[in-house]
Amino acid sequence: MTRPYEIALYNAEVRRLVYEGEHHRQYPDSWADTHYIEIEAEDVKGAESKVKVKYPPERGFVIERVEAL
């Protein structure tokens, strides 16, 4: 049975560039701040896996927190 989870994530590359006064060529500066994504999953690991497909760590995305709603 699935339940809703809230994922807090940001983009480390964007955060670094914004801190240095520059801009990422692909992602807006807003990704320097934490974004909150709601997703349905069976458990925390499932929620993380789903988010990583759309927001891959190899592109700089960092999951700060996963919380059941």
PDB file of N, CA and C in Angstrom:
ATOM      1  N   MET A   1       0.843  -1.180   0.000  1.00  0.00           N
ATOM      2  CA  MET A   1       0.000   0.000   0.000  1.00  0.00           C
ATOM      3  C   MET A   1       0.893   1.251   0.000  1.00  0.00           C
ATOM      4  N   THR A   2       0.550   2.182  -0.862  1.00  0.00           N
ATOM      5  CA  THR A   2       1.367   3.395  -0.943  1.00  0.00           C
ATOM      6  C   THR A   2       0.834   4.479  -0.014  1.00  0.00           C
ATOM      7  N   ARG A   3       1.718   5.397   0.294  1.00  0.00           N
ATOM      8  CA  ARG A   3       1.352   6.544   1.113  1.00  0.00           C
ATOM      9  C   ARG A   3       2.150   7.747   0.614  1.00  0.00           C
ATOM     10  N   PRO A   4       1.715   8.950   0.935  1.00  0.00           N
ATOM     11  CA  PRO A   4       2.440  10.128   0.457  1.00  0.00           C
ATOM     12  C   PRO A   4       3.698  10.415   1.283  1.00  0.00           C
ATOM     13  N   TYR A   5       4.731  10.854   0.578  1.00  0.00           N
ATOM     14  CA  TYR A   5       5.986  11.272   1.199  1.00  0.00           C
ATOM     15  C   TYR A   5       6.352  12.648   0.664  1.00  0.00           C
ATOM     16  N   GLU A   6       6.958  13.442   1.513  1.00  0.00           N
ATOM     17  CA  GLU A   6       7.478  14.735   1.088  1.00  0.00           C
ATOM     18  C   GLU A   6       8.992  14.633   1.048  1.00  0.00           C
ATOM     19  N   ILE A   7       9.554  14.995  -0.105  1.00  0.00           N
ATOM     20  CA  ILE A   7      10.991  14.945  -0.311  1.00  0.00           C
ATOM     21  C   ILE A   7      11.503  16.386  -0.380  1.00  0.00           C
ATOM     22  N   ALA A   8      12.513  16.692   0.422  1.00  0.00           N
ATOM     23  CA  ALA A   8      13.164  18.002   0.371  1.00  0.00           C
ATOM     24  C   ALA A   8      14.477  17.819  -0.386  1.00  0.00           C
ATOM     25  N   LEU A   9      14.669  18.574  -1.473  1.00  0.00           N
ATOM     26  CA  LEU A   9      15.891  18.441  -2.242  1.00  0.00           C
ATOM     27  C   LEU A   9      16.325  19.769  -2.843  1.00  0.00           C
ATOM     28  N   TYR A  10      17.590  19.842  -3.209  1.00  0.00           N
ATOM     29  CA  TYR A  10      18.165  21.011  -3.863  1.00  0.00           C
ATOM     30  C   TYR A  10      19.221  20.521  -4.845  1.00  0.00           C
ATOM     31  N   ASN A  11      19.778  21.465  -5.609  1.00  0.00           N
ATOM     32  CA  ASN A  11      20.828  21.097  -6.546  1.00  0.00           C
ATOM     33  C   ASN A  11      22.142  21.714  -6.069  1.00  0.00           C
ATOM     34  N   ALA A  12      23.108  20.866  -5.740  1.00  0.00           N
ATOM     35  CA  ALA A  12      24.386  21.320  -5.190  1.00  0.00           C
ATOM     36  C   ALA A  12      25.180  22.155  -6.191  1.00  0.00           C
ATOM     37  N   GLU A  13      25.127  21.815  -7.469  1.00  0.00           N
ATOM     38  CA  GLU A  13      25.849  22.588  -8.488  1.00  0.00           C
ATOM     39  C   GLU A  13      25.286  23.998  -8.581  1.00  0.00           C
ATOM     40  N   VAL A  14      23.964  24.100  -8.619  1.00  0.00           N
ATOM     41  CA  VAL A  14      23.316  25.414  -8.696  1.00  0.00           C
ATOM     42  C   VAL A  14      23.645  26.216  -7.441  1.00  0.00           C
ATOM     43  N   ARG A  15      23.567  25.570  -6.286  1.00  0.00           N
ATOM     44  CA  ARG A  15      23.851  26.254  -5.018  1.00  0.00           C
ATOM     45  C   ARG A  15      25.276  26.822  -5.021  1.00  0.00           C
ATOM     46  N   ARG A  16      26.234  26.037  -5.479  1.00  0.00           N
ATOM     47  CA  ARG A  16      27.624  26.502  -5.530  1.00  0.00           C
ATOM     48  C   ARG A  16      27.782  27.678  -6.487  1.00  0.00           C
ATOM     49  N   LEU A  17      27.189  27.560  -7.675  1.00  0.00           N
ATOM     50  CA  LEU A  17      27.314  28.627  -8.670  1.00  0.00           C
ATOM     51  C   LEU A  17      26.657  29.916  -8.200  1.00  0.00           C
ATOM     52  N   VAL A  18      25.492  29.817  -7.606  1.00  0.00           N
ATOM     53  CA  VAL A  18      24.799  31.008  -7.101  1.00  0.00           C
ATOM     54  C   VAL A  18      25.647  31.671  -6.012  1.00  0.00           C
ATOM     55  N   TYR A  19      26.235  30.855  -5.150  1.00  0.00           N
ATOM     56  CA  TYR A  19      27.108  31.375  -4.088  1.00  0.00           C
ATOM     57  C   TYR A  19      28.291  32.138  -4.691  1.00  0.00           C
ATOM     58  N   GLU A  20      28.782  31.668  -5.835  1.00  0.00           N
ATOM     59  CA  GLU A  20      29.914  32.306  -6.518  1.00  0.00           C
ATOM     60  C   GLU A  20      29.479  33.453  -7.421  1.00  0.00           C
ATOM     61  N   GLY A  21      28.168  33.733  -7.457  1.00  0.00           N
ATOM     62  CA  GLY A  21      27.658  34.833  -8.271  1.00  0.00           C
ATOM     63  C   GLY A  21      27.455  34.473  -9.731  1.00  0.00           C
ATOM     64  N   GLU A  22      27.363  33.185 -10.018  1.00  0.00           N
ATOM     65  CA  GLU A  22      27.174  32.731 -11.395  1.00  0.00           C
ATOM     66  C   GLU A  22      25.839  32.003 -11.527  1.00  0.00           C
ATOM     67  N   HIS A  23      25.574  31.506 -12.737  1.00  0.00           N
ATOM     68  CA  HIS A  23      24.310  30.812 -13.008  1.00  0.00           C
ATOM     69  C   HIS A  23      24.585  29.480 -13.683  1.00  0.00           C
ATOM     70  N   HIS A  24      23.746  28.521 -13.385  1.00  0.00           N
ATOM     71  CA  HIS A  24      23.836  27.216 -14.040  1.00  0.00           C
ATOM     72  C   HIS A  24      23.244  27.363 -15.432  1.00  0.00           C
ATOM     73  N   ARG A  25      23.805  26.692 -16.398  1.00  0.00           N
ATOM     74  CA  ARG A  25      23.306  26.856 -17.770  1.00  0.00           C
ATOM     75  C   ARG A  25      22.007  26.102 -18.032  1.00  0.00           C
ATOM     76  N   GLN A  26      21.675  25.140 -17.188  1.00  0.00           N
ATOM     77  CA  GLN A  26      20.470  24.348 -17.422  1.00  0.00           C
ATOM     78  C   GLN A  26      19.369  24.600 -16.395  1.00  0.00           C
ATOM     79  N   TYR A  27      19.729  24.775 -15.123  1.00  0.00           N
ATOM     80  CA  TYR A  27      18.727  24.896 -14.062  1.00  0.00           C
ATOM     81  C   TYR A  27      18.650  26.324 -13.537  1.00  0.00           C
ATOM     82  N   PRO A  28      17.448  26.775 -13.190  1.00  0.00           N
ATOM     83  CA  PRO A  28      17.299  28.134 -12.650  1.00  0.00           C
ATOM     84  C   PRO A  28      17.927  28.260 -11.256  1.00  0.00           C
ATOM     85  N   ASP A  29      18.236  29.486 -10.892  1.00  0.00           N
ATOM     86  CA  ASP A  29      18.855  29.771  -9.594  1.00  0.00           C
ATOM     87  C   ASP A  29      18.012  29.272  -8.425  1.00  0.00           C
ATOM     88  N   SER A  30      16.720  29.138  -8.624  1.00  0.00           N
ATOM     89  CA  SER A  30      15.835  28.699  -7.537  1.00  0.00           C
ATOM     90  C   SER A  30      16.216  27.316  -7.010  1.00  0.00           C
ATOM     91  N   TRP A  31      16.932  26.512  -7.813  1.00  0.00           N
ATOM     92  CA  TRP A  31      17.349  25.191  -7.358  1.00  0.00           C
ATOM     93  C   TRP A  31      18.453  25.260  -6.308  1.00  0.00           C
ATOM     94  N   ALA A  32      18.981  26.458  -6.039  1.00  0.00           N
ATOM     95  CA  ALA A  32      19.931  26.621  -4.937  1.00  0.00           C
ATOM     96  C   ALA A  32      19.206  26.472  -3.604  1.00  0.00           C
ATOM     97  N   ASP A  33      17.911  26.748  -3.616  1.00  0.00           N
ATOM     98  CA  ASP A  33      17.078  26.623  -2.417  1.00  0.00           C
ATOM     99  C   ASP A  33      16.408  25.253  -2.381  1.00  0.00           C
ATOM    100  N   THR A  34      15.944  24.882  -1.229  1.00  0.00           N
ATOM    101  CA  THR A  34      15.262  23.598  -1.061  1.00  0.00           C
ATOM    102  C   THR A  34      13.896  23.617  -1.744  1.00  0.00           C
ATOM    103  N   HIS A  35      13.636  22.572  -2.512  1.00  0.00           N
ATOM    104  CA  HIS A  35      12.329  22.351  -3.128  1.00  0.00           C
ATOM    105  C   HIS A  35      11.666  21.189  -2.396  1.00  0.00           C
ATOM    106  N   TYR A  36      10.349  21.200  -2.373  1.00  0.00           N
ATOM    107  CA  TYR A  36       9.596  20.132  -1.710  1.00  0.00           C
ATOM    108  C   TYR A  36       8.730  19.432  -2.744  1.00  0.00           C
ATOM    109  N   ILE A  37       8.935  18.134  -2.872  1.00  0.00           N
ATOM    110  CA  ILE A  37       8.219  17.313  -3.844  1.00  0.00           C
ATOM    111  C   ILE A  37       7.393  16.294  -3.068  1.00  0.00           C
ATOM    112  N   GLU A  38       6.138  16.129  -3.464  1.00  0.00           N
ATOM    113  CA  GLU A  38       5.302  15.117  -2.834  1.00  0.00           C
ATOM    114  C   GLU A  38       5.179  13.943  -3.796  1.00  0.00           C
ATOM    115  N   ILE A  39       5.331  12.730  -3.257  1.00  0.00           N
ATOM    116  CA  ILE A  39       5.317  11.534  -4.092  1.00  0.00           C
ATOM    117  C   ILE A  39       4.655  10.387  -3.334  1.00  0.00           C
ATOM    118  N   GLU A  40       4.010   9.502  -4.069  1.00  0.00           N
ATOM    119  CA  GLU A  40       3.392   8.306  -3.485  1.00  0.00           C
ATOM    120  C   GLU A  40       4.374   7.143  -3.606  1.00  0.00           C
ATOM    121  N   ALA A  41       4.583   6.440  -2.501  1.00  0.00           N
ATOM    122  CA  ALA A  41       5.484   5.286  -2.515  1.00  0.00           C
ATOM    123  C   ALA A  41       5.116   4.343  -1.376  1.00  0.00           C
ATOM    124  N   GLU A  42       5.672   3.143  -1.426  1.00  0.00           N
ATOM    125  CA  GLU A  42       5.391   2.153  -0.387  1.00  0.00           C
ATOM    126  C   GLU A  42       6.203   2.402   0.875  1.00  0.00           C
ATOM    127  N   ASP A  43       7.429   2.957   0.701  1.00  0.00           N
ATOM    128  CA  ASP A  43       8.283   3.224   1.856  1.00  0.00           C
ATOM    129  C   ASP A  43       9.282   4.324   1.493  1.00  0.00           C
ATOM    130  N   VAL A  44      10.134   4.673   2.452  1.00  0.00           N
ATOM    131  CA  VAL A  44      11.096   5.750   2.251  1.00  0.00           C
ATOM    132  C   VAL A  44      12.040   5.440   1.093  1.00  0.00           C
ATOM    133  N   LYS A  45      12.542   4.222   1.045  1.00  0.00           N
ATOM    134  CA  LYS A  45      13.461   3.842  -0.040  1.00  0.00           C
ATOM    135  C   LYS A  45      12.790   3.952  -1.404  1.00  0.00           C
ATOM    136  N   GLY A  46      11.531   3.536  -1.471  1.00  0.00           N
ATOM    137  CA  GLY A  46      10.790   3.645  -2.719  1.00  0.00           C
ATOM    138  C   GLY A  46      10.596   5.090  -3.144  1.00  0.00           C
ATOM    139  N   ALA A  47      10.323   5.957  -2.179  1.00  0.00           N
ATOM    140  CA  ALA A  47      10.154   7.383  -2.470  1.00  0.00           C
ATOM    141  C   ALA A  47      11.465   7.973  -2.996  1.00  0.00           C
ATOM    142  N   GLU A  48      12.568   7.634  -2.342  1.00  0.00           N
ATOM    143  CA  GLU A  48      13.874   8.122  -2.783  1.00  0.00           C
ATOM    144  C   GLU A  48      14.190   7.635  -4.194  1.00  0.00           C
ATOM    145  N   SER A  49      13.915   6.379  -4.466  1.00  0.00           N
ATOM    146  CA  SER A  49      14.196   5.818  -5.792  1.00  0.00           C
ATOM    147  C   SER A  49      13.420   6.533  -6.878  1.00  0.00           C
ATOM    148  N   LYS A  50      12.144   6.792  -6.618  1.00  0.00           N
ATOM    149  CA  LYS A  50      11.311   7.490  -7.606  1.00  0.00           C
ATOM    150  C   LYS A  50      11.824   8.897  -7.868  1.00  0.00           C
ATOM    151  N   VAL A  51      12.207   9.600  -6.813  1.00  0.00           N
ATOM    152  CA  VAL A  51      12.691  10.981  -6.968  1.00  0.00           C
ATOM    153  C   VAL A  51      14.015  11.007  -7.727  1.00  0.00           C
ATOM    154  N   LYS A  52      14.885  10.038  -7.453  1.00  0.00           N
ATOM    155  CA  LYS A  52      16.193  10.006  -8.104  1.00  0.00           C
ATOM    156  C   LYS A  52      16.100   9.784  -9.610  1.00  0.00           C
ATOM    157  N   VAL A  53      15.004   9.213 -10.076  1.00  0.00           N
ATOM    158  CA  VAL A  53      14.821   9.043 -11.520  1.00  0.00           C
ATOM    159  C   VAL A  53      14.652  10.407 -12.183  1.00  0.00           C
ATOM    160  N   LYS A  54      13.819  11.243 -11.598  1.00  0.00           N
ATOM    161  CA  LYS A  54      13.547  12.568 -12.169  1.00  0.00           C
ATOM    162  C   LYS A  54      14.620  13.583 -11.796  1.00  0.00           C
ATOM    163  N   TYR A  55      15.205  13.435 -10.608  1.00  0.00           N
ATOM    164  CA  TYR A  55      16.215  14.372 -10.103  1.00  0.00           C
ATOM    165  C   TYR A  55      17.477  13.590  -9.736  1.00  0.00           C
ATOM    166  N   PRO A  56      18.259  13.176 -10.744  1.00  0.00           N
ATOM    167  CA  PRO A  56      19.396  12.287 -10.494  1.00  0.00           C
ATOM    168  C   PRO A  56      20.546  12.943  -9.727  1.00  0.00           C
ATOM    169  N   PRO A  57      21.114  12.213  -8.771  1.00  0.00           N
ATOM    170  CA  PRO A  57      22.254  12.727  -8.008  1.00  0.00           C
ATOM    171  C   PRO A  57      23.437  13.101  -8.901  1.00  0.00           C
ATOM    172  N   GLU A  58      23.630  12.362  -9.993  1.00  0.00           N
ATOM    173  CA  GLU A  58      24.758  12.662 -10.880  1.00  0.00           C
ATOM    174  C   GLU A  58      24.604  14.005 -11.595  1.00  0.00           C
ATOM    175  N   ARG A  59      23.416  14.607 -11.506  1.00  0.00           N
ATOM    176  CA  ARG A  59      23.199  15.953 -12.054  1.00  0.00           C
ATOM    177  C   ARG A  59      23.188  17.003 -10.946  1.00  0.00           C
ATOM    178  N   GLY A  60      23.621  16.600  -9.766  1.00  0.00           N
ATOM    179  CA  GLY A  60      23.785  17.550  -8.679  1.00  0.00           C
ATOM    180  C   GLY A  60      22.658  17.610  -7.669  1.00  0.00           C
ATOM    181  N   PHE A  61      21.610  16.809  -7.849  1.00  0.00           N
ATOM    182  CA  PHE A  61      20.484  16.863  -6.924  1.00  0.00           C
ATOM    183  C   PHE A  61      20.803  16.114  -5.628  1.00  0.00           C
ATOM    184  N   VAL A  62      20.457  16.744  -4.520  1.00  0.00           N
ATOM    185  CA  VAL A  62      20.741  16.193  -3.198  1.00  0.00           C
ATOM    186  C   VAL A  62      19.439  16.132  -2.405  1.00  0.00           C
ATOM    187  N   ILE A  63      19.129  14.942  -1.897  1.00  0.00           N
ATOM    188  CA  ILE A  63      17.951  14.776  -1.058  1.00  0.00           C
ATOM    189  C   ILE A  63      18.334  15.137   0.371  1.00  0.00           C
ATOM    190  N   GLU A  64      17.659  16.125   0.926  1.00  0.00           N
ATOM    191  CA  GLU A  64      17.928  16.547   2.305  1.00  0.00           C
ATOM    192  C   GLU A  64      17.115  15.725   3.306  1.00  0.00           C
ATOM    193  N   ARG A  65      15.878  15.432   2.929  1.00  0.00           N
ATOM    194  CA  ARG A  65      14.981  14.776   3.881  1.00  0.00           C
ATOM    195  C   ARG A  65      13.851  14.079   3.146  1.00  0.00           C
ATOM    196  N   VAL A  66      13.407  12.964   3.703  1.00  0.00           N
ATOM    197  CA  VAL A  66      12.224  12.253   3.226  1.00  0.00           C
ATOM    198  C   VAL A  66      11.333  12.077   4.445  1.00  0.00           C
ATOM    199  N   GLU A  67      10.087  12.517   4.322  1.00  0.00           N
ATOM    200  CA  GLU A  67       9.179  12.484   5.460  1.00  0.00           C
ATOM    201  C   GLU A  67       7.813  11.944   5.041  1.00  0.00           C
ATOM    202  N   ALA A  68       7.309  10.992   5.776  1.00  0.00           N
ATOM    203  CA  ALA A  68       5.961  10.485   5.523  1.00  0.00           C
ATOM    204  C   ALA A  68       4.947  11.544   5.894  1.00  0.00           C
ATOM    205  N   LEU A  69       3.933  11.692   5.077  1.00  0.00           N
ATOM    206  CA  LEU A  69       2.874  12.667   5.381  1.00  0.00           C
ATOM    207  C   LEU A  69       1.677  12.015   6.015  1.00  0.00           C
TER     208      LEU A  69
END
